[in-house]
């Protein structure tokens, strides 16, 4: 139970940080209305999230050479 609460807290903090830094923005596009005799209306939201693009680059990396020598047989 404690682990679940900690996980929910961490998720809430990450979402709050993303909103504060501008990575996530929520705009309400439709207001809610209470039902009278029938019906009603739920609020609608438009979420604007940051776009992330991932790509690759070809690069040549110099790797050091390693030599391994077996120790002499000690008897």
PDB file of N, CA and C in Angstrom:
ATOM      1  N   UNK A   1       0.824  -1.193   0.000  1.00  0.00           N
ATOM      2  CA  UNK A   1       0.000   0.000   0.000  1.00  0.00           C
ATOM      3  C   UNK A   1       0.867   1.256   0.000  1.00  0.00           C
ATOM      4  N   UNK A   2       1.916   1.225   0.816  1.00  0.00           N
ATOM      5  CA  UNK A   2       2.813   2.382   0.892  1.00  0.00           C
ATOM      6  C   UNK A   2       3.526   2.600  -0.442  1.00  0.00           C
ATOM      7  N   UNK A   3       3.894   1.501  -1.120  1.00  0.00           N
ATOM      8  CA  UNK A   3       4.574   1.608  -2.410  1.00  0.00           C
ATOM      9  C   UNK A   3       3.662   2.254  -3.446  1.00  0.00           C
ATOM     10  N   UNK A   4       2.391   1.895  -3.440  1.00  0.00           N
ATOM     11  CA  UNK A   4       1.433   2.474  -4.377  1.00  0.00           C
ATOM     12  C   UNK A   4       1.285   3.974  -4.146  1.00  0.00           C
ATOM     13  N   UNK A   5       1.227   4.392  -2.899  1.00  0.00           N
ATOM     14  CA  UNK A   5       1.117   5.817  -2.592  1.00  0.00           C
ATOM     15  C   UNK A   5       2.366   6.577  -3.024  1.00  0.00           C
ATOM     16  N   UNK A   6       3.525   5.990  -2.822  1.00  0.00           N
ATOM     17  CA  UNK A   6       4.768   6.636  -3.248  1.00  0.00           C
ATOM     18  C   UNK A   6       4.802   6.746  -4.765  1.00  0.00           C
ATOM     19  N   UNK A   7       4.374   5.697  -5.467  1.00  0.00           N
ATOM     20  CA  UNK A   7       4.344   5.716  -6.929  1.00  0.00           C
ATOM     21  C   UNK A   7       3.386   6.788  -7.448  1.00  0.00           C
ATOM     22  N   UNK A   8       2.222   6.908  -6.852  1.00  0.00           N
ATOM     23  CA  UNK A   8       1.261   7.945  -7.250  1.00  0.00           C
ATOM     24  C   UNK A   8       1.849   9.334  -6.984  1.00  0.00           C
ATOM     25  N   UNK A   9       2.537   9.498  -5.868  1.00  0.00           N
ATOM     26  CA  UNK A   9       3.171  10.777  -5.558  1.00  0.00           C
ATOM     27  C   UNK A   9       4.253  11.141  -6.555  1.00  0.00           C
ATOM     28  N   UNK A  10       5.058  10.169  -6.959  1.00  0.00           N
ATOM     29  CA  UNK A  10       6.131  10.428  -7.931  1.00  0.00           C
ATOM     30  C   UNK A  10       5.537  10.811  -9.275  1.00  0.00           C
ATOM     31  N   UNK A  11       4.488  10.108  -9.701  1.00  0.00           N
ATOM     32  CA  UNK A  11       3.839  10.424 -10.975  1.00  0.00           C
ATOM     33  C   UNK A  11       3.250  11.832 -10.928  1.00  0.00           C
ATOM     34  N   UNK A  12       2.639  12.200  -9.819  1.00  0.00           N
ATOM     35  CA  UNK A  12       2.068  13.537  -9.678  1.00  0.00           C
ATOM     36  C   UNK A  12       3.164  14.604  -9.733  1.00  0.00           C
ATOM     37  N   UNK A  13       4.292  14.355  -9.103  1.00  0.00           N
ATOM     38  CA  UNK A  13       5.391  15.319  -9.138  1.00  0.00           C
ATOM     39  C   UNK A  13       5.976  15.466 -10.534  1.00  0.00           C
ATOM     40  N   UNK A  14       6.099  14.356 -11.268  1.00  0.00           N
ATOM     41  CA  UNK A  14       6.623  14.415 -12.634  1.00  0.00           C
ATOM     42  C   UNK A  14       5.661  15.191 -13.527  1.00  0.00           C
ATOM     43  N   UNK A  15       4.364  14.940 -13.398  1.00  0.00           N
ATOM     44  CA  UNK A  15       3.377  15.667 -14.192  1.00  0.00           C
ATOM     45  C   UNK A  15       3.387  17.154 -13.844  1.00  0.00           C
ATOM     46  N   UNK A  16       3.483  17.481 -12.574  1.00  0.00           N
ATOM     47  CA  UNK A  16       3.543  18.882 -12.157  1.00  0.00           C
ATOM     48  C   UNK A  16       4.800  19.564 -12.700  1.00  0.00           C
ATOM     49  N   UNK A  17       5.942  18.885 -12.652  1.00  0.00           N
ATOM     50  CA  UNK A  17       7.177  19.458 -13.182  1.00  0.00           C
ATOM     51  C   UNK A  17       7.075  19.668 -14.687  1.00  0.00           C
ATOM     52  N   UNK A  18       6.467  18.719 -15.407  1.00  0.00           N
ATOM     53  CA  UNK A  18       6.305  18.864 -16.854  1.00  0.00           C
ATOM     54  C   UNK A  18       5.403  20.040 -17.188  1.00  0.00           C
ATOM     55  N   UNK A  19       4.374  20.252 -16.381  1.00  0.00           N
ATOM     56  CA  UNK A  19       3.486  21.396 -16.613  1.00  0.00           C
ATOM     57  C   UNK A  19       4.193  22.713 -16.303  1.00  0.00           C
ATOM     58  N   UNK A  20       4.993  22.738 -15.247  1.00  0.00           N
ATOM     59  CA  UNK A  20       5.696  23.963 -14.870  1.00  0.00           C
ATOM     60  C   UNK A  20       6.771  24.345 -15.893  1.00  0.00           C
ATOM     61  N   UNK A  21       7.407  23.343 -16.499  1.00  0.00           N
ATOM     62  CA  UNK A  21       8.462  23.606 -17.471  1.00  0.00           C
ATOM     63  C   UNK A  21       7.925  23.825 -18.888  1.00  0.00           C
ATOM     64  N   UNK A  22       6.630  23.655 -19.084  1.00  0.00           N
ATOM     65  CA  UNK A  22       6.025  23.921 -20.383  1.00  0.00           C
ATOM     66  C   UNK A  22       5.999  22.732 -21.319  1.00  0.00           C
ATOM     67  N   UNK A  23       6.303  21.545 -20.841  1.00  0.00           N
ATOM     68  CA  UNK A  23       6.257  20.367 -21.694  1.00  0.00           C
ATOM     69  C   UNK A  23       4.825  19.899 -21.923  1.00  0.00           C
ATOM     70  N   UNK A  24       3.943  20.174 -20.979  1.00  0.00           N
ATOM     71  CA  UNK A  24       2.542  19.754 -21.074  1.00  0.00           C
ATOM     72  C   UNK A  24       1.665  20.962 -20.762  1.00  0.00           C
ATOM     73  N   UNK A  25       0.623  21.155 -21.579  1.00  0.00           N
ATOM     74  CA  UNK A  25      -0.308  22.253 -21.335  1.00  0.00           C
ATOM     75  C   UNK A  25      -1.726  21.741 -21.592  1.00  0.00           C
ATOM     76  N   UNK A  26      -2.637  22.015 -20.673  1.00  0.00           N
ATOM     77  CA  UNK A  26      -4.028  21.611 -20.812  1.00  0.00           C
ATOM     78  C   UNK A  26      -4.890  22.857 -20.967  1.00  0.00           C
ATOM     79  N   UNK A  27      -5.743  22.874 -21.991  1.00  0.00           N
ATOM     80  CA  UNK A  27      -6.690  23.960 -22.201  1.00  0.00           C
ATOM     81  C   UNK A  27      -8.098  23.378 -22.174  1.00  0.00           C
ATOM     82  N   UNK A  28      -8.997  24.001 -21.410  1.00  0.00           N
ATOM     83  CA  UNK A  28     -10.382  23.540 -21.363  1.00  0.00           C
ATOM     84  C   UNK A  28     -11.120  24.146 -22.548  1.00  0.00           C
ATOM     85  N   UNK A  29     -11.675  23.286 -23.414  1.00  0.00           N
ATOM     86  CA  UNK A  29     -12.357  23.752 -24.619  1.00  0.00           C
ATOM     87  C   UNK A  29     -13.872  23.757 -24.462  1.00  0.00           C
ATOM     88  N   UNK A  30     -14.403  23.054 -23.477  1.00  0.00           N
ATOM     89  CA  UNK A  30     -15.846  23.002 -23.265  1.00  0.00           C
ATOM     90  C   UNK A  30     -16.109  22.907 -21.768  1.00  0.00           C
ATOM     91  N   UNK A  31     -17.005  23.748 -21.267  1.00  0.00           N
ATOM     92  CA  UNK A  31     -17.305  23.739 -19.842  1.00  0.00           C
ATOM     93  C   UNK A  31     -18.305  22.633 -19.507  1.00  0.00           C
ATOM     94  N   UNK A  32     -18.372  22.287 -18.260  1.00  0.00           N
ATOM     95  CA  UNK A  32     -19.295  21.247 -17.799  1.00  0.00           C
ATOM     96  C   UNK A  32     -20.639  21.877 -17.462  1.00  0.00           C
ATOM     97  N   UNK A  33     -21.694  21.095 -17.647  1.00  0.00           N
ATOM     98  CA  UNK A  33     -23.034  21.530 -17.264  1.00  0.00           C
ATOM     99  C   UNK A  33     -23.678  20.419 -16.447  1.00  0.00           C
ATOM    100  N   UNK A  34     -24.315  20.800 -15.353  1.00  0.00           N
ATOM    101  CA  UNK A  34     -25.002  19.821 -14.525  1.00  0.00           C
ATOM    102  C   UNK A  34     -26.280  19.360 -15.225  1.00  0.00           C
ATOM    103  N   UNK A  35     -26.651  18.105 -15.054  1.00  0.00           N
ATOM    104  CA  UNK A  35     -27.887  17.636 -15.683  1.00  0.00           C
ATOM    105  C   UNK A  35     -29.117  18.238 -15.013  1.00  0.00           C
ATOM    106  N   UNK A  36     -30.079  18.632 -15.808  1.00  0.00           N
ATOM    107  CA  UNK A  36     -31.354  19.135 -15.274  1.00  0.00           C
ATOM    108  C   UNK A  36     -32.284  17.929 -15.121  1.00  0.00           C
ATOM    109  N   UNK A  37     -33.162  17.717 -16.034  1.00  0.00           N
ATOM    110  CA  UNK A  37     -34.020  16.540 -15.990  1.00  0.00           C
ATOM    111  C   UNK A  37     -33.338  15.352 -16.656  1.00  0.00           C
ATOM    112  N   UNK A  38     -32.570  15.621 -17.654  1.00  0.00           N
ATOM    113  CA  UNK A  38     -31.815  14.565 -18.331  1.00  0.00           C
ATOM    114  C   UNK A  38     -30.592  15.201 -18.980  1.00  0.00           C
ATOM    115  N   UNK A  39     -29.636  14.374 -19.310  1.00  0.00           N
ATOM    116  CA  UNK A  39     -28.449  14.865 -20.013  1.00  0.00           C
ATOM    117  C   UNK A  39     -27.448  15.521 -19.087  1.00  0.00           C
ATOM    118  N   UNK A  40     -26.752  16.430 -19.642  1.00  0.00           N
ATOM    119  CA  UNK A  40     -25.656  17.098 -18.968  1.00  0.00           C
ATOM    120  C   UNK A  40     -24.494  17.164 -19.935  1.00  0.00           C
ATOM    121  N   UNK A  41     -23.403  17.698 -19.484  1.00  0.00           N
ATOM    122  CA  UNK A  41     -22.275  17.838 -20.391  1.00  0.00           C
ATOM    123  C   UNK A  41     -20.986  17.732 -19.598  1.00  0.00           C
ATOM    124  N   UNK A  42     -20.091  16.894 -20.064  1.00  0.00           N
ATOM    125  CA  UNK A  42     -18.793  16.770 -19.412  1.00  0.00           C
ATOM    126  C   UNK A  42     -17.834  17.804 -19.987  1.00  0.00           C
ATOM    127  N   UNK A  43     -16.861  18.233 -19.218  1.00  0.00           N
ATOM    128  CA  UNK A  43     -15.887  19.183 -19.761  1.00  0.00           C
ATOM    129  C   UNK A  43     -14.958  18.490 -20.755  1.00  0.00           C
ATOM    130  N   UNK A  44     -14.471  19.244 -21.716  1.00  0.00           N
ATOM    131  CA  UNK A  44     -13.509  18.722 -22.685  1.00  0.00           C
ATOM    132  C   UNK A  44     -12.220  19.514 -22.556  1.00  0.00           C
ATOM    133  N   UNK A  45     -11.108  18.799 -22.711  1.00  0.00           N
ATOM    134  CA  UNK A  45      -9.800  19.419 -22.585  1.00  0.00           C
ATOM    135  C   UNK A  45      -8.977  19.122 -23.828  1.00  0.00           C
ATOM    136  N   UNK A  46      -8.127  20.049 -24.198  1.00  0.00           N
ATOM    137  CA  UNK A  46      -7.189  19.873 -25.292  1.00  0.00           C
ATOM    138  C   UNK A  46      -5.794  19.857 -24.683  1.00  0.00           C
ATOM    139  N   UNK A  47      -5.060  18.765 -24.890  1.00  0.00           N
ATOM    140  CA  UNK A  47      -3.715  18.629 -24.314  1.00  0.00           C
ATOM    141  C   UNK A  47      -2.673  18.913 -25.375  1.00  0.00           C
ATOM    142  N   UNK A  48      -1.738  19.782 -25.057  1.00  0.00           N
ATOM    143  CA  UNK A  48      -0.623  20.110 -25.939  1.00  0.00           C
ATOM    144  C   UNK A  48       0.645  19.619 -25.253  1.00  0.00           C
ATOM    145  N   UNK A  49       1.269  18.593 -25.808  1.00  0.00           N
ATOM    146  CA  UNK A  49       2.469  18.020 -25.205  1.00  0.00           C
ATOM    147  C   UNK A  49       3.668  18.279 -26.110  1.00  0.00           C
ATOM    148  N   UNK A  50       4.847  18.259 -25.529  1.00  0.00           N
ATOM    149  CA  UNK A  50       6.069  18.523 -26.274  1.00  0.00           C
ATOM    150  C   UNK A  50       6.335  17.412 -27.284  1.00  0.00           C
ATOM    151  N   UNK A  51       6.919  17.778 -28.391  1.00  0.00           N
ATOM    152  CA  UNK A  51       7.284  16.815 -29.433  1.00  0.00           C
ATOM    153  C   UNK A  51       8.755  16.433 -29.240  1.00  0.00           C
ATOM    154  N   UNK A  52       9.034  15.152 -29.309  1.00  0.00           N
ATOM    155  CA  UNK A  52      10.397  14.654 -29.155  1.00  0.00           C
ATOM    156  C   UNK A  52      10.753  13.877 -30.416  1.00  0.00           C
ATOM    157  N   UNK A  53      11.855  14.253 -31.045  1.00  0.00           N
ATOM    158  CA  UNK A  53      12.301  13.510 -32.219  1.00  0.00           C
ATOM    159  C   UNK A  53      13.651  12.868 -31.907  1.00  0.00           C
ATOM    160  N   UNK A  54      13.783  11.632 -32.315  1.00  0.00           N
ATOM    161  CA  UNK A  54      14.992  10.871 -32.043  1.00  0.00           C
ATOM    162  C   UNK A  54      15.610  10.484 -33.379  1.00  0.00           C
ATOM    163  N   UNK A  55      16.894  10.689 -33.514  1.00  0.00           N
ATOM    164  CA  UNK A  55      17.581  10.346 -34.751  1.00  0.00           C
ATOM    165  C   UNK A  55      18.925   9.704 -34.459  1.00  0.00           C
ATOM    166  N   UNK A  56      19.596   9.304 -35.516  1.00  0.00           N
ATOM    167  CA  UNK A  56      20.908   8.684 -35.374  1.00  0.00           C
ATOM    168  C   UNK A  56      21.916   9.424 -36.239  1.00  0.00           C
ATOM    169  N   UNK A  57      23.169   9.376 -35.836  1.00  0.00           N
ATOM    170  CA  UNK A  57      24.282   9.939 -36.594  1.00  0.00           C
ATOM    171  C   UNK A  57      25.362   8.879 -36.703  1.00  0.00           C
ATOM    172  N   UNK A  58      26.001   8.812 -37.874  1.00  0.00           N
ATOM    173  CA  UNK A  58      27.121   7.889 -38.041  1.00  0.00           C
ATOM    174  C   UNK A  58      28.397   8.625 -37.657  1.00  0.00           C
ATOM    175  N   UNK A  59      29.143   8.047 -36.731  1.00  0.00           N
ATOM    176  CA  UNK A  59      30.401   8.639 -36.278  1.00  0.00           C
ATOM    177  C   UNK A  59      31.443   7.542 -36.141  1.00  0.00           C
ATOM    178  N   UNK A  60      32.676   7.912 -36.317  1.00  0.00           N
ATOM    179  CA  UNK A  60      33.781   6.989 -36.131  1.00  0.00           C
ATOM    180  C   UNK A  60      34.396   7.272 -34.768  1.00  0.00           C
ATOM    181  N   UNK A  61      34.481   6.225 -33.966  1.00  0.00           N
ATOM    182  CA  UNK A  61      35.009   6.361 -32.618  1.00  0.00           C
ATOM    183  C   UNK A  61      36.263   5.516 -32.518  1.00  0.00           C
ATOM    184  N   UNK A  62      37.347   6.121 -32.032  1.00  0.00           N
ATOM    185  CA  UNK A  62      38.601   5.401 -31.880  1.00  0.00           C
ATOM    186  C   UNK A  62      38.555   4.619 -30.564  1.00  0.00           C
ATOM    187  N   UNK A  63      38.792   3.320 -30.665  1.00  0.00           N
ATOM    188  CA  UNK A  63      38.737   2.436 -29.510  1.00  0.00           C
ATOM    189  C   UNK A  63      40.161   1.997 -29.173  1.00  0.00           C
ATOM    190  N   UNK A  64      40.559   2.046 -27.904  1.00  0.00           N
ATOM    191  CA  UNK A  64      41.919   1.630 -27.547  1.00  0.00           C
ATOM    192  C   UNK A  64      42.101   0.122 -27.759  1.00  0.00           C
ATOM    193  N   UNK A  65      43.315  -0.255 -28.172  1.00  0.00           N
ATOM    194  CA  UNK A  65      43.639  -1.666 -28.376  1.00  0.00           C
ATOM    195  C   UNK A  65      44.050  -2.282 -27.033  1.00  0.00           C
ATOM    196  N   UNK A  66      43.586  -3.487 -26.803  1.00  0.00           N
ATOM    197  CA  UNK A  66      43.895  -4.189 -25.558  1.00  0.00           C
ATOM    198  C   UNK A  66      44.566  -5.505 -25.909  1.00  0.00           C
ATOM    199  N   UNK A  67      45.685  -5.783 -25.250  1.00  0.00           N
ATOM    200  CA  UNK A  67      46.346  -7.069 -25.468  1.00  0.00           C
ATOM    201  C   UNK A  67      46.355  -7.833 -24.139  1.00  0.00           C
ATOM    202  N   UNK A  68      46.104  -9.127 -24.230  1.00  0.00           N
ATOM    203  CA  UNK A  68      46.043  -9.983 -23.048  1.00  0.00           C
ATOM    204  C   UNK A  68      47.119 -11.039 -23.192  1.00  0.00           C
ATOM    205  N   UNK A  69      47.963 -11.152 -22.167  1.00  0.00           N
ATOM    206  CA  UNK A  69      49.009 -12.168 -22.167  1.00  0.00           C
ATOM    207  C   UNK A  69      48.737 -13.146 -21.041  1.00  0.00           C
ATOM    208  N   UNK A  70      48.872 -14.423 -21.363  1.00  0.00           N
ATOM    209  CA  UNK A  70      48.674 -15.446 -20.350  1.00  0.00           C
ATOM    210  C   UNK A  70      49.877 -15.467 -19.430  1.00  0.00           C
ATOM    211  N   UNK A  71      49.657 -15.662 -18.138  1.00  0.00           N
ATOM    212  CA  UNK A  71      50.803 -15.744 -17.226  1.00  0.00           C
ATOM    213  C   UNK A  71      51.588 -17.015 -17.452  1.00  0.00           C
ATOM    214  N   UNK A  72      52.870 -16.982 -17.113  1.00  0.00           N
ATOM    215  CA  UNK A  72      53.732 -18.161 -17.264  1.00  0.00           C
ATOM    216  C   UNK A  72      53.230 -19.253 -16.332  1.00  0.00           C
ATOM    217  N   UNK A  73      53.407 -20.498 -16.749  1.00  0.00           N
ATOM    218  CA  UNK A  73      52.965 -21.634 -15.948  1.00  0.00           C
ATOM    219  C   UNK A  73      53.875 -21.770 -14.732  1.00  0.00           C
ATOM    220  N   UNK A  74      53.363 -21.598 -13.556  1.00  0.00           N
ATOM    221  CA  UNK A  74      54.153 -21.690 -12.332  1.00  0.00           C
ATOM    222  C   UNK A  74      53.859 -23.008 -11.652  1.00  0.00           C
ATOM    223  N   UNK A  75      54.899 -23.865 -11.516  1.00  0.00           N
ATOM    224  CA  UNK A  75      54.721 -25.156 -10.849  1.00  0.00           C
ATOM    225  C   UNK A  75      55.804 -25.394  -9.853  1.00  0.00           C
TER     226      UNK A  75
END
